[in-house]
C-alpha atoms as a PDB file:
ATOM      1  CA  MET A   1      32.552  32.445   8.511  1.00  0.00           C
ATOM      2  CA  SER A   2      34.734  34.115   5.860  1.00  0.00           C
ATOM      3  CA  TYR A   3      34.324  32.166   2.667  1.00  0.00           C
ATOM      4  CA  GLU A   4      36.762  34.273   0.643  1.00  0.00           C
ATOM      5  CA  LYS A   5      39.568  33.860   3.130  1.00  0.00           C
ATOM      6  CA  GLU A   6      39.287  30.087   3.184  1.00  0.00           C
ATOM      7  CA  SER A   7      38.949  29.778  -0.578  1.00  0.00           C
ATOM      8  CA  ASN A   8      42.294  31.616  -1.106  1.00  0.00           C
ATOM      9  CA  HIS A   9      44.097  28.573   0.325  1.00  0.00           C
ATOM     10  CA  LEU A  10      42.611  26.101  -2.134  1.00  0.00           C
ATOM     11  CA  PRO A  11      45.231  24.172  -4.149  1.00  0.00           C
ATOM     12  CA  VAL A  12      43.433  24.870  -7.442  1.00  0.00           C
ATOM     13  CA  ASN A  13      46.446  23.985  -9.566  1.00  0.00           C
ATOM     14  CA  GLN A  14      46.314  20.434  -8.186  1.00  0.00           C
ATOM     15  CA  LEU A  15      42.776  19.759  -9.349  1.00  0.00           C
ATOM     16  CA  SER A  16      42.189  17.375 -12.222  1.00  0.00           C
ATOM     17  CA  ASP A  17      39.841  18.059 -15.129  1.00  0.00           C
ATOM     18  CA  ASN A  18      37.410  15.577 -13.600  1.00  0.00           C
ATOM     19  CA  ASP A  19      37.471  17.482 -10.291  1.00  0.00           C
ATOM     20  CA  LEU A  20      36.806  20.757 -12.081  1.00  0.00           C
ATOM     21  CA  ARG A  21      33.849  19.214 -13.903  1.00  0.00           C
ATOM     22  CA  ARG A  22      32.414  18.070 -10.564  1.00  0.00           C
ATOM     23  CA  ILE A  23      32.921  21.503  -9.097  1.00  0.00           C
ATOM     24  CA  ALA A  24      31.121  23.037 -12.063  1.00  0.00           C
ATOM     25  CA  VAL A  25      28.145  20.790 -11.274  1.00  0.00           C
ATOM     26  CA  PHE A  26      28.229  21.891  -7.623  1.00  0.00           C
ATOM     27  CA  GLN A  27      28.446  25.509  -8.734  1.00  0.00           C
ATOM     28  CA  ARG A  28      25.412  25.162 -11.006  1.00  0.00           C
ATOM     29  CA  ASN A  29      23.409  23.448  -8.247  1.00  0.00           C
ATOM     30  CA  GLU A  30      24.138  26.281  -5.836  1.00  0.00           C
ATOM     31  CA  ILE A  31      23.122  29.089  -8.209  1.00  0.00           C
ATOM     32  CA  THR A  32      20.008  27.132  -9.209  1.00  0.00           C
ATOM     33  CA  GLU A  33      18.932  26.665  -5.596  1.00  0.00           C
ATOM     34  CA  HIS A  34      19.726  30.321  -4.927  1.00  0.00           C
ATOM     35  CA  HIS A  35      17.111  31.316  -7.502  1.00  0.00           C
ATOM     36  CA  ILE A  36      14.574  28.740  -6.259  1.00  0.00           C
ATOM     37  CA  TYR A  37      14.824  29.934  -2.657  1.00  0.00           C
ATOM     38  CA  LYS A  38      14.654  33.548  -3.818  1.00  0.00           C
ATOM     39  CA  ILE A  39      11.429  32.885  -5.754  1.00  0.00           C
ATOM     40  CA  LEU A  40       9.891  31.014  -2.822  1.00  0.00           C
ATOM     41  CA  SER A  41      10.840  33.784  -0.386  1.00  0.00           C
ATOM     42  CA  GLN A  42       8.757  36.181  -2.485  1.00  0.00           C
ATOM     43  CA  ARG A  43       5.732  33.875  -2.477  1.00  0.00           C
ATOM     44  CA  VAL A  44       5.447  32.568   1.069  1.00  0.00           C
ATOM     45  CA  GLU A  45       3.324  34.082   3.763  1.00  0.00           C
ATOM     46  CA  GLY A  46       4.754  35.158   7.092  1.00  0.00           C
ATOM     47  CA  VAL A  47       7.751  37.329   7.893  1.00  0.00           C
ATOM     48  CA  LYS A  48       9.554  34.407   9.552  1.00  0.00           C
ATOM     49  CA  ASN A  49       9.300  32.151   6.507  1.00  0.00           C
ATOM     50  CA  ARG A  50      10.382  34.920   4.138  1.00  0.00           C
ATOM     51  CA  ARG A  51      13.373  35.733   6.325  1.00  0.00           C
ATOM     52  CA  ILE A  52      14.484  32.085   6.512  1.00  0.00           C
ATOM     53  CA  LEU A  53      14.166  31.466   2.769  1.00  0.00           C
ATOM     54  CA  THR A  54      15.935  34.739   1.962  1.00  0.00           C
ATOM     55  CA  GLN A  55      18.796  33.768   4.259  1.00  0.00           C
ATOM     56  CA  ILE A  56      19.136  30.336   2.633  1.00  0.00           C
ATOM     57  CA  SER A  57      19.075  31.985  -0.815  1.00  0.00           C
ATOM     58  CA  GLN A  58      21.895  34.303   0.201  1.00  0.00           C
ATOM     59  CA  ASP A  59      23.889  31.412   1.652  1.00  0.00           C
ATOM     60  CA  GLU A  60      23.489  29.454  -1.584  1.00  0.00           C
ATOM     61  CA  PHE A  61      24.828  32.428  -3.539  1.00  0.00           C
ATOM     62  CA  ARG A  62      27.865  32.762  -1.263  1.00  0.00           C
ATOM     63  CA  HIS A  63      28.466  29.058  -1.711  1.00  0.00           C
ATOM     64  CA  TYR A  64      28.254  29.544  -5.474  1.00  0.00           C
ATOM     65  CA  GLU A  65      30.906  32.265  -5.191  1.00  0.00           C
ATOM     66  CA  VAL A  66      33.265  29.842  -3.442  1.00  0.00           C
ATOM     67  CA  TRP A  67      33.035  27.388  -6.340  1.00  0.00           C
ATOM     68  CA  LYS A  68      33.329  30.246  -8.837  1.00  0.00           C
ATOM     69  CA  LYS A  69      36.723  31.227  -7.411  1.00  0.00           C
ATOM     70  CA  ILE A  70      37.909  27.716  -8.278  1.00  0.00           C
ATOM     71  CA  THR A  71      36.401  27.352 -11.762  1.00  0.00           C
ATOM     72  CA  GLY A  72      37.089  30.957 -12.643  1.00  0.00           C
ATOM     73  CA  ARG A  73      33.864  31.353 -14.593  1.00  0.00           C
ATOM     74  CA  ASP A  74      30.191  32.095 -14.240  1.00  0.00           C
ATOM     75  CA  ILE A  75      27.768  29.213 -14.709  1.00  0.00           C
ATOM     76  CA  ALA A  76      24.100  29.657 -15.636  1.00  0.00           C
ATOM     77  CA  PRO A  77      21.428  28.096 -13.407  1.00  0.00           C
ATOM     78  CA  ASN A  78      19.236  25.186 -14.466  1.00  0.00           C
ATOM     79  CA  ARG A  79      16.126  27.053 -15.650  1.00  0.00           C
ATOM     80  CA  LEU A  80      14.061  23.878 -16.018  1.00  0.00           C
ATOM     81  CA  LYS A  81      14.763  22.886 -12.426  1.00  0.00           C
ATOM     82  CA  ILE A  82      13.881  26.377 -11.203  1.00  0.00           C
ATOM     83  CA  TRP A  83      10.550  26.205 -13.029  1.00  0.00           C
ATOM     84  CA  LEU A  84       9.836  22.619 -11.925  1.00  0.00           C
ATOM     85  CA  PHE A  85      10.389  23.160  -8.204  1.00  0.00           C
ATOM     86  CA  SER A  86       8.610  26.504  -8.298  1.00  0.00           C
ATOM     87  CA  VAL A  87       5.532  24.730  -9.688  1.00  0.00           C
ATOM     88  CA  ILE A  88       5.838  21.794  -7.254  1.00  0.00           C
ATOM     89  CA  SER A  89       6.099  24.202  -4.330  1.00  0.00           C
ATOM     90  CA  LEU A  90       3.099  26.152  -5.577  1.00  0.00           C
ATOM     91  CA  LEU A  91       0.934  23.026  -5.917  1.00  0.00           C
ATOM     92  CA  PHE A  92       2.056  20.970  -2.931  1.00  0.00           C
ATOM     93  CA  GLY A  93       3.503  23.540  -0.546  1.00  0.00           C
ATOM     94  CA  PHE A  94       6.933  25.077  -0.174  1.00  0.00           C
ATOM     95  CA  THR A  95       7.988  22.680   2.607  1.00  0.00           C
ATOM     96  CA  PHE A  96       7.410  19.654   0.361  1.00  0.00           C
ATOM     97  CA  GLY A  97       9.116  21.330  -2.598  1.00  0.00           C
ATOM     98  CA  ILE A  98      12.184  22.327  -0.597  1.00  0.00           C
ATOM     99  CA  LYS A  99      12.641  18.962   1.091  1.00  0.00           C
ATOM    100  CA  LEU A 100      12.106  17.082  -2.166  1.00  0.00           C
ATOM    101  CA  MET A 101      14.752  19.259  -3.799  1.00  0.00           C
ATOM    102  CA  GLU A 102      17.182  18.769  -0.952  1.00  0.00           C
ATOM    103  CA  ALA A 103      16.641  15.003  -1.035  1.00  0.00           C
ATOM    104  CA  GLY A 104      17.462  15.014  -4.731  1.00  0.00           C
ATOM    105  CA  GLU A 105      20.629  17.016  -4.097  1.00  0.00           C
ATOM    106  CA  GLN A 106      21.886  14.693  -1.368  1.00  0.00           C
ATOM    107  CA  LYS A 107      24.034  12.721  -3.835  1.00  0.00           C
ATOM    108  CA  ALA A 108      25.680  15.920  -4.963  1.00  0.00           C
ATOM    109  CA  HIS A 109      26.453  16.902  -1.368  1.00  0.00           C
ATOM    110  CA  ASP A 110      27.809  13.416  -0.704  1.00  0.00           C
ATOM    111  CA  ALA A 111      30.165  13.872  -3.641  1.00  0.00           C
ATOM    112  CA  TYR A 112      31.884  16.736  -1.810  1.00  0.00           C
ATOM    113  CA  GLY A 113      33.694  14.135   0.263  1.00  0.00           C
ATOM    114  CA  ARG A 114      35.457  12.784  -2.811  1.00  0.00           C
ATOM    115  CA  LEU A 115      37.425  16.022  -3.051  1.00  0.00           C
ATOM    116  CA  ALA A 116      38.441  15.967   0.610  1.00  0.00           C
ATOM    117  CA  GLY A 117      42.082  15.197  -0.091  1.00  0.00           C
ATOM    118  CA  SER A 118      42.833  18.308  -2.119  1.00  0.00           C
ATOM    119  CA  MET A 119      39.946  20.550  -1.046  1.00  0.00           C
ATOM    120  CA  SER A 120      39.513  20.099   2.684  1.00  0.00           C
ATOM    121  CA  GLU A 121      38.561  23.755   3.190  1.00  0.00           C
ATOM    122  CA  VAL A 122      35.785  23.559   0.618  1.00  0.00           C
ATOM    123  CA  LYS A 123      34.522  20.340   2.157  1.00  0.00           C
ATOM    124  CA  THR A 124      34.314  22.075   5.520  1.00  0.00           C
ATOM    125  CA  ILE A 125      32.427  24.964   3.982  1.00  0.00           C
ATOM    126  CA  ALA A 126      30.025  22.582   2.251  1.00  0.00           C
ATOM    127  CA  ASN A 127      29.369  20.599   5.416  1.00  0.00           C
ATOM    128  CA  ASP A 128      28.778  23.727   7.461  1.00  0.00           C
ATOM    129  CA  GLU A 129      26.481  25.103   4.784  1.00  0.00           C
ATOM    130  CA  GLU A 130      24.461  21.867   4.616  1.00  0.00           C
ATOM    131  CA  GLU A 131      24.013  21.700   8.392  1.00  0.00           C
ATOM    132  CA  HIS A 132      23.011  25.342   8.486  1.00  0.00           C
ATOM    133  CA  GLU A 133      20.557  24.881   5.632  1.00  0.00           C
ATOM    134  CA  GLN A 134      18.871  21.871   7.208  1.00  0.00           C
ATOM    135  CA  ALA A 135      18.611  23.660  10.541  1.00  0.00           C
ATOM    136  CA  LEU A 136      16.871  26.586   8.867  1.00  0.00           C
ATOM    137  CA  ILE A 137      14.466  24.330   6.952  1.00  0.00           C
ATOM    138  CA  THR A 138      13.254  22.785  10.208  1.00  0.00           C
ATOM    139  CA  LEU A 139      12.178  26.270  11.335  1.00  0.00           C
ATOM    140  CA  LEU A 140       9.783  26.742   8.417  1.00  0.00           C
ATOM    141  CA  ASP A 141       6.125  26.937   9.368  1.00  0.00           C
ATOM    142  CA  GLU A 142       3.527  26.024   6.716  1.00  0.00           C
ATOM    143  CA  ASP A 143      -0.156  26.300   7.506  1.00  0.00           C
ATOM    144  CA  ARG A 144      -1.324  23.339   5.445  1.00  0.00           C
ATOM    145  CA  LEU A 145       0.940  20.901   7.302  1.00  0.00           C
ATOM    146  CA  LYS A 146      -1.015  21.628  10.490  1.00  0.00           C
ATOM    147  CA  TYR A 147      -3.992  19.899   8.904  1.00  0.00           C
ATOM    148  CA  THR A 148      -2.252  16.685   7.900  1.00  0.00           C
ATOM    149  CA  GLY A 149      -4.265  14.823  10.533  1.00  0.00           C
ATOM    150  CA  SER A 150      -7.504  16.084   9.001  1.00  0.00           C
ATOM    151  CA  ILE A 151      -6.403  14.944   5.536  1.00  0.00           C
ATOM    152  CA  VAL A 152      -5.369  11.547   6.901  1.00  0.00           C
ATOM    153  CA  LEU A 153      -8.772  11.210   8.558  1.00  0.00           C
ATOM    154  CA  GLY A 154     -10.626  11.970   5.326  1.00  0.00           C
ATOM    155  CA  LEU A 155      -8.472   9.780   3.091  1.00  0.00           C
ATOM    156  CA  ASN A 156      -8.227   6.864   5.488  1.00  0.00           C
ATOM    157  CA  ASP A 157     -11.943   6.721   6.220  1.00  0.00           C
ATOM    158  CA  ALA A 158     -12.916   7.082   2.566  1.00  0.00           C
ATOM    159  CA  LEU A 159     -10.457   4.490   1.313  1.00  0.00           C
ATOM    160  CA  VAL A 160     -11.212   1.956   4.016  1.00  0.00           C
ATOM    161  CA  GLU A 161     -14.977   2.419   4.167  1.00  0.00           C
ATOM    162  CA  LEU A 162     -15.708   2.868   0.474  1.00  0.00           C
ATOM    163  CA  THR A 163     -13.297   0.192  -0.726  1.00  0.00           C
ATOM    164  CA  GLY A 164     -15.060  -2.208   1.593  1.00  0.00           C
ATOM    165  CA  ALA A 165     -18.468  -0.956   0.492  1.00  0.00           C
ATOM    166  CA  LEU A 166     -17.563  -1.286  -3.195  1.00  0.00           C
ATOM    167  CA  ALA A 167     -16.361  -4.841  -2.633  1.00  0.00           C
ATOM    168  CA  GLY A 168     -19.637  -5.772  -0.968  1.00  0.00           C
ATOM    169  CA  LEU A 169     -21.830  -3.880  -3.443  1.00  0.00           C
ATOM    170  CA  THR A 170     -20.015  -5.286  -6.448  1.00  0.00           C
ATOM    171  CA  PHE A 171     -20.904  -8.843  -5.562  1.00  0.00           C
ATOM    172  CA  ALA A 172     -24.291  -8.144  -4.014  1.00  0.00           C
ATOM    173  CA  LEU A 173     -25.739  -5.928  -6.772  1.00  0.00           C
ATOM    174  CA  GLN A 174     -23.955  -7.172  -9.921  1.00  0.00           C
ATOM    175  CA  ASN A 175     -24.773  -3.940 -11.778  1.00  0.00           C
ATOM    176  CA  SER A 176     -22.148  -1.238 -12.354  1.00  0.00           C
ATOM    177  CA  LYS A 177     -24.664   1.625 -12.652  1.00  0.00           C
ATOM    178  CA  ILE A 178     -26.394   0.721  -9.406  1.00  0.00           C
ATOM    179  CA  VAL A 179     -23.027   0.201  -7.699  1.00  0.00           C
ATOM    180  CA  VAL A 180     -21.684   3.616  -8.745  1.00  0.00           C
ATOM    181  CA  LEU A 181     -24.981   5.319  -7.844  1.00  0.00           C
ATOM    182  CA  THR A 182     -25.075   3.722  -4.406  1.00  0.00           C
ATOM    183  CA  ALA A 183     -21.383   4.364  -3.764  1.00  0.00           C
ATOM    184  CA  SER A 184     -21.654   8.006  -4.887  1.00  0.00           C
ATOM    185  CA  ILE A 185     -24.586   8.744  -2.577  1.00  0.00           C
ATOM    186  CA  THR A 186     -22.910   6.919   0.278  1.00  0.00           C
ATOM    187  CA  GLY A 187     -19.583   8.658  -0.332  1.00  0.00           C
ATOM    188  CA  PHE A 188     -21.033  12.155  -0.578  1.00  0.00           C
ATOM    189  CA  ALA A 189     -23.102  11.728   2.573  1.00  0.00           C
ATOM    190  CA  ALA A 190     -20.122  10.263   4.418  1.00  0.00           C
ATOM    191  CA  ALA A 191     -17.892  13.165   3.299  1.00  0.00           C
ATOM    192  CA  LEU A 192     -20.324  15.684   4.775  1.00  0.00           C
ATOM    193  CA  SER A 193     -20.604  13.633   7.938  1.00  0.00           C
ATOM    194  CA  MET A 194     -16.835  13.369   8.336  1.00  0.00           C
ATOM    195  CA  ALA A 195     -16.372  17.092   7.691  1.00  0.00           C
ATOM    196  CA  ALA A 196     -18.970  17.944  10.333  1.00  0.00           C
ATOM    197  CA  SER A 197     -17.388  15.536  12.812  1.00  0.00           C
ATOM    198  CA  GLU A 198     -13.938  17.007  12.211  1.00  0.00           C
ATOM    199  CA  TYR A 199     -15.315  20.514  12.716  1.00  0.00           C
ATOM    200  CA  LEU A 200     -16.813  19.619  16.072  1.00  0.00           C
ATOM    201  CA  SER A 201     -13.749  17.620  17.116  1.00  0.00           C
ATOM    202  CA  THR A 202     -11.307  20.417  16.252  1.00  0.00           C
ATOM    203  CA  LYS A 203     -13.496  23.049  17.888  1.00  0.00           C
ATOM    204  CA  THR A 204     -13.476  21.230  21.223  1.00  0.00           C
ATOM    205  CA  GLU A 205      -9.721  20.577  21.211  1.00  0.00           C
ATOM    206  CA  PRO A 206      -7.173  23.208  22.277  1.00  0.00           C
ATOM    207  CA  GLY A 207      -4.747  24.175  19.562  1.00  0.00           C
ATOM    208  CA  SER A 208      -4.038  26.502  16.656  1.00  0.00           C
ATOM    209  CA  LYS A 209      -6.079  24.657  14.033  1.00  0.00           C
ATOM    210  CA  ASN A 210      -9.067  26.396  12.514  1.00  0.00           C
ATOM    211  CA  PRO A 211     -12.167  24.130  12.794  1.00  0.00           C
ATOM    212  CA  ILE A 212     -13.557  25.286   9.439  1.00  0.00           C
ATOM    213  CA  LYS A 213     -10.264  24.656   7.626  1.00  0.00           C
ATOM    214  CA  ALA A 214      -9.927  21.266   9.296  1.00  0.00           C
ATOM    215  CA  SER A 215     -13.423  20.240   8.204  1.00  0.00           C
ATOM    216  CA  ILE A 216     -12.787  21.442   4.644  1.00  0.00           C
ATOM    217  CA  TYR A 217      -9.527  19.481   4.398  1.00  0.00           C
ATOM    218  CA  THR A 218     -11.255  16.357   5.697  1.00  0.00           C
ATOM    219  CA  GLY A 219     -14.257  16.706   3.390  1.00  0.00           C
ATOM    220  CA  ILE A 220     -12.199  17.404   0.268  1.00  0.00           C
ATOM    221  CA  ALA A 221      -9.821  14.520   1.000  1.00  0.00           C
ATOM    222  CA  TYR A 222     -12.812  12.200   1.427  1.00  0.00           C
ATOM    223  CA  LEU A 223     -14.430  13.345  -1.845  1.00  0.00           C
ATOM    224  CA  LEU A 224     -11.175  12.993  -3.786  1.00  0.00           C
ATOM    225  CA  ALA A 225     -10.787   9.430  -2.551  1.00  0.00           C
ATOM    226  CA  VAL A 226     -14.419   8.672  -3.458  1.00  0.00           C
ATOM    227  CA  THR A 227     -13.865  10.048  -6.963  1.00  0.00           C
ATOM    228  CA  VAL A 228     -10.806   7.852  -7.507  1.00  0.00           C
ATOM    229  CA  LEU A 229     -12.641   4.740  -6.318  1.00  0.00           C
ATOM    230  CA  ILE A 230     -15.856   5.082  -8.325  1.00  0.00           C
ATOM    231  CA  THR A 231     -14.312   6.344 -11.589  1.00  0.00           C
ATOM    232  CA  PRO A 232     -13.597   2.840 -13.023  1.00  0.00           C
ATOM    233  CA  TYR A 233     -17.296   1.942 -12.675  1.00  0.00           C
ATOM    234  CA  LEU A 234     -18.142   4.822 -15.030  1.00  0.00           C
ATOM    235  CA  PHE A 235     -15.997   3.541 -17.889  1.00  0.00           C
ATOM    236  CA  PHE A 236     -15.922  -0.249 -17.720  1.00  0.00           C
ATOM    237  CA  GLN A 237     -18.622  -2.920 -17.802  1.00  0.00           C
ATOM    238  CA  SER A 238     -16.781  -5.720 -16.030  1.00  0.00           C
ATOM    239  CA  LEU A 239     -17.582  -5.399 -12.345  1.00  0.00           C
ATOM    240  CA  TYR A 240     -14.525  -7.278 -11.191  1.00  0.00           C
ATOM    241  CA  LEU A 241     -12.244  -5.226 -13.446  1.00  0.00           C
ATOM    242  CA  CYS A 242     -13.805  -2.098 -11.939  1.00  0.00           C
ATOM    243  CA  LEU A 243     -13.240  -3.411  -8.428  1.00  0.00           C
ATOM    244  CA  ALA A 244      -9.623  -4.287  -9.235  1.00  0.00           C
ATOM    245  CA  LEU A 245      -9.006  -0.816 -10.701  1.00  0.00           C
ATOM    246  CA  ALA A 246     -10.685   0.825  -7.714  1.00  0.00           C
ATOM    247  CA  PHE A 247      -8.439  -1.157  -5.395  1.00  0.00           C
ATOM    248  CA  ALA A 248      -5.359  -0.204  -7.466  1.00  0.00           C
ATOM    249  CA  GLY A 249      -6.464   3.437  -7.307  1.00  0.00           C
ATOM    250  CA  ALA A 250      -6.738   3.223  -3.535  1.00  0.00           C
ATOM    251  CA  ILE A 251      -3.200   1.840  -3.298  1.00  0.00           C
ATOM    252  CA  LEU A 252      -1.878   4.625  -5.547  1.00  0.00           C
ATOM    253  CA  VAL A 253      -3.601   7.282  -3.437  1.00  0.00           C
ATOM    254  CA  ILE A 254      -2.110   5.773  -0.284  1.00  0.00           C
ATOM    255  CA  ALA A 255       1.353   5.640  -1.871  1.00  0.00           C
ATOM    256  CA  ALA A 256       1.166   9.234  -3.150  1.00  0.00           C
ATOM    257  CA  PHE A 257      -0.088  10.665   0.122  1.00  0.00           C
ATOM    258  CA  ASN A 258       2.393   8.776   2.285  1.00  0.00           C
ATOM    259  CA  PHE A 259       5.235   9.828  -0.027  1.00  0.00           C
ATOM    260  CA  TYR A 260       4.137  13.438   0.448  1.00  0.00           C
ATOM    261  CA  ILE A 261       4.023  13.054   4.222  1.00  0.00           C
ATOM    262  CA  SER A 262       7.340  11.191   4.353  1.00  0.00           C
ATOM    263  CA  VAL A 263       9.041  14.055   2.490  1.00  0.00           C
ATOM    264  CA  ALA A 264       7.264  17.027   4.067  1.00  0.00           C
ATOM    265  CA  GLN A 265       7.380  15.770   7.661  1.00  0.00           C
ATOM    266  CA  ASP A 266      10.396  13.431   7.602  1.00  0.00           C
ATOM    267  CA  LEU A 267       8.283  10.394   8.523  1.00  0.00           C
ATOM    268  CA  PRO A 268       8.901   6.769   7.462  1.00  0.00           C
ATOM    269  CA  PHE A 269       7.163   5.850   4.217  1.00  0.00           C
ATOM    270  CA  ARG A 270       7.172   2.063   4.177  1.00  0.00           C
ATOM    271  CA  SER A 271       5.576   1.325   7.552  1.00  0.00           C
ATOM    272  CA  ARG A 272       2.780   3.860   7.063  1.00  0.00           C
ATOM    273  CA  PHE A 273       2.094   2.690   3.518  1.00  0.00           C
ATOM    274  CA  LEU A 274       1.970  -0.988   4.480  1.00  0.00           C
ATOM    275  CA  GLU A 275      -0.267  -0.291   7.462  1.00  0.00           C
ATOM    276  CA  MET A 276      -2.887   1.607   5.436  1.00  0.00           C
ATOM    277  CA  SER A 277      -2.712  -0.822   2.496  1.00  0.00           C
ATOM    278  CA  GLY A 278      -3.065  -3.825   4.772  1.00  0.00           C
ATOM    279  CA  LEU A 279      -6.060  -2.296   6.524  1.00  0.00           C
ATOM    280  CA  ILE A 280      -7.800  -1.719   3.191  1.00  0.00           C
ATOM    281  CA  CYS A 281      -7.108  -5.286   2.071  1.00  0.00           C
ATOM    282  CA  VAL A 282      -8.582  -6.738   5.259  1.00  0.00           C
ATOM    283  CA  VAL A 283     -11.705  -4.563   5.194  1.00  0.00           C
ATOM    284  CA  ALA A 284     -12.279  -5.153   1.461  1.00  0.00           C
ATOM    285  CA  GLY A 285     -11.910  -8.900   1.905  1.00  0.00           C
ATOM    286  CA  ILE A 286     -14.357  -9.032   4.793  1.00  0.00           C
ATOM    287  CA  SER A 287     -16.848  -6.810   2.948  1.00  0.00           C
ATOM    288  CA  PHE A 288     -16.627  -8.908  -0.198  1.00  0.00           C
ATOM    289  CA  GLY A 289     -17.358 -12.012   1.842  1.00  0.00           C
ATOM    290  CA  ALA A 290     -20.255 -10.227   3.543  1.00  0.00           C
ATOM    291  CA  GLY A 291     -21.646  -9.308   0.132  1.00  0.00           C
ATOM    292  CA  MET A 292     -21.524 -12.933  -0.972  1.00  0.00           C
ATOM    293  CA  LEU A 293     -23.232 -14.066   2.210  1.00  0.00           C
ATOM    294  CA  ILE A 294     -26.013 -11.449   2.041  1.00  0.00           C
ATOM    295  CA  ARG A 295     -26.672 -12.197  -1.616  1.00  0.00           C
ATOM    296  CA  THR A 296     -26.919 -15.927  -0.887  1.00  0.00           C
ATOM    297  CA  VAL A 297     -29.018 -15.660   2.289  1.00  0.00           C
ATOM    298  CA  PHE A 298     -31.540 -13.195   0.906  1.00  0.00           C
ATOM    299  CA  GLY A 299     -31.456 -14.534  -2.632  1.00  0.00           C
ATOM    300  CA  ILE A 300     -31.089 -11.051  -4.112  1.00  0.00           C
ATOM    301  CA  GLU A 301     -30.947 -10.842  -7.895  1.00  0.00           C
ATOM    302  CA  VAL A 302     -30.402  -7.423  -9.484  1.00  0.00           C
END
């Protein structure tokens, strides 16, 4: 597609000051994303990923040039945004960073349609560019996303099992130090057990996943969840406050992880979040009741 040829037909003299301000925003977004994609293309592993990100970076720059012909001036990129999404991509993976950025820019792309009357050619260019960009993003291949199932296994088991255990232990033992000691030993042993199980399970299944990596992801996810759940018991004396904070921590972990998955893999957030949260509530409630029953039947006083 020849961008320069199409842009020569733009009725620039008919644009209002408000339209030009909007175009300046579009222009800045494009040059900013050009730099972000360029940085990511230099960091990612794999020839395919580097080629895709380099191509998107070049497309963003050509798009910037289209807007520049209208505004007649250069516009500096948003340095803060470049730094922010570079860091996010480094910490959480380039797929998550890119899709989060594109989701945030959706309103800007939607605003292209408001200029359709006087800038139909630019709208066509923008639509074509967006479709092309999204098609390229779907081709990206990130290693860590292959192990999402292993992370889900570790987090889900830890949150469900240990939240239930903490609920039962809190009422049965009535001592924060004993509760945190018991939960820590239980959680650490369970993390090793889950990691070993995931290793054996992955090893026996056909696929491209590395059994050692899968077990590590599962074990680390389990330990992180355990840490979140037992931390309140280290700082507060009230057992029921600790239990409430542990439960709140579990909900936050579920929300954060499902948000990550919903962005990185284009999966629904609400249904997955409600399912995991509901499961934890049910298990915690049953375990709390079991703790009350055991304490009463055996007459345990700690």
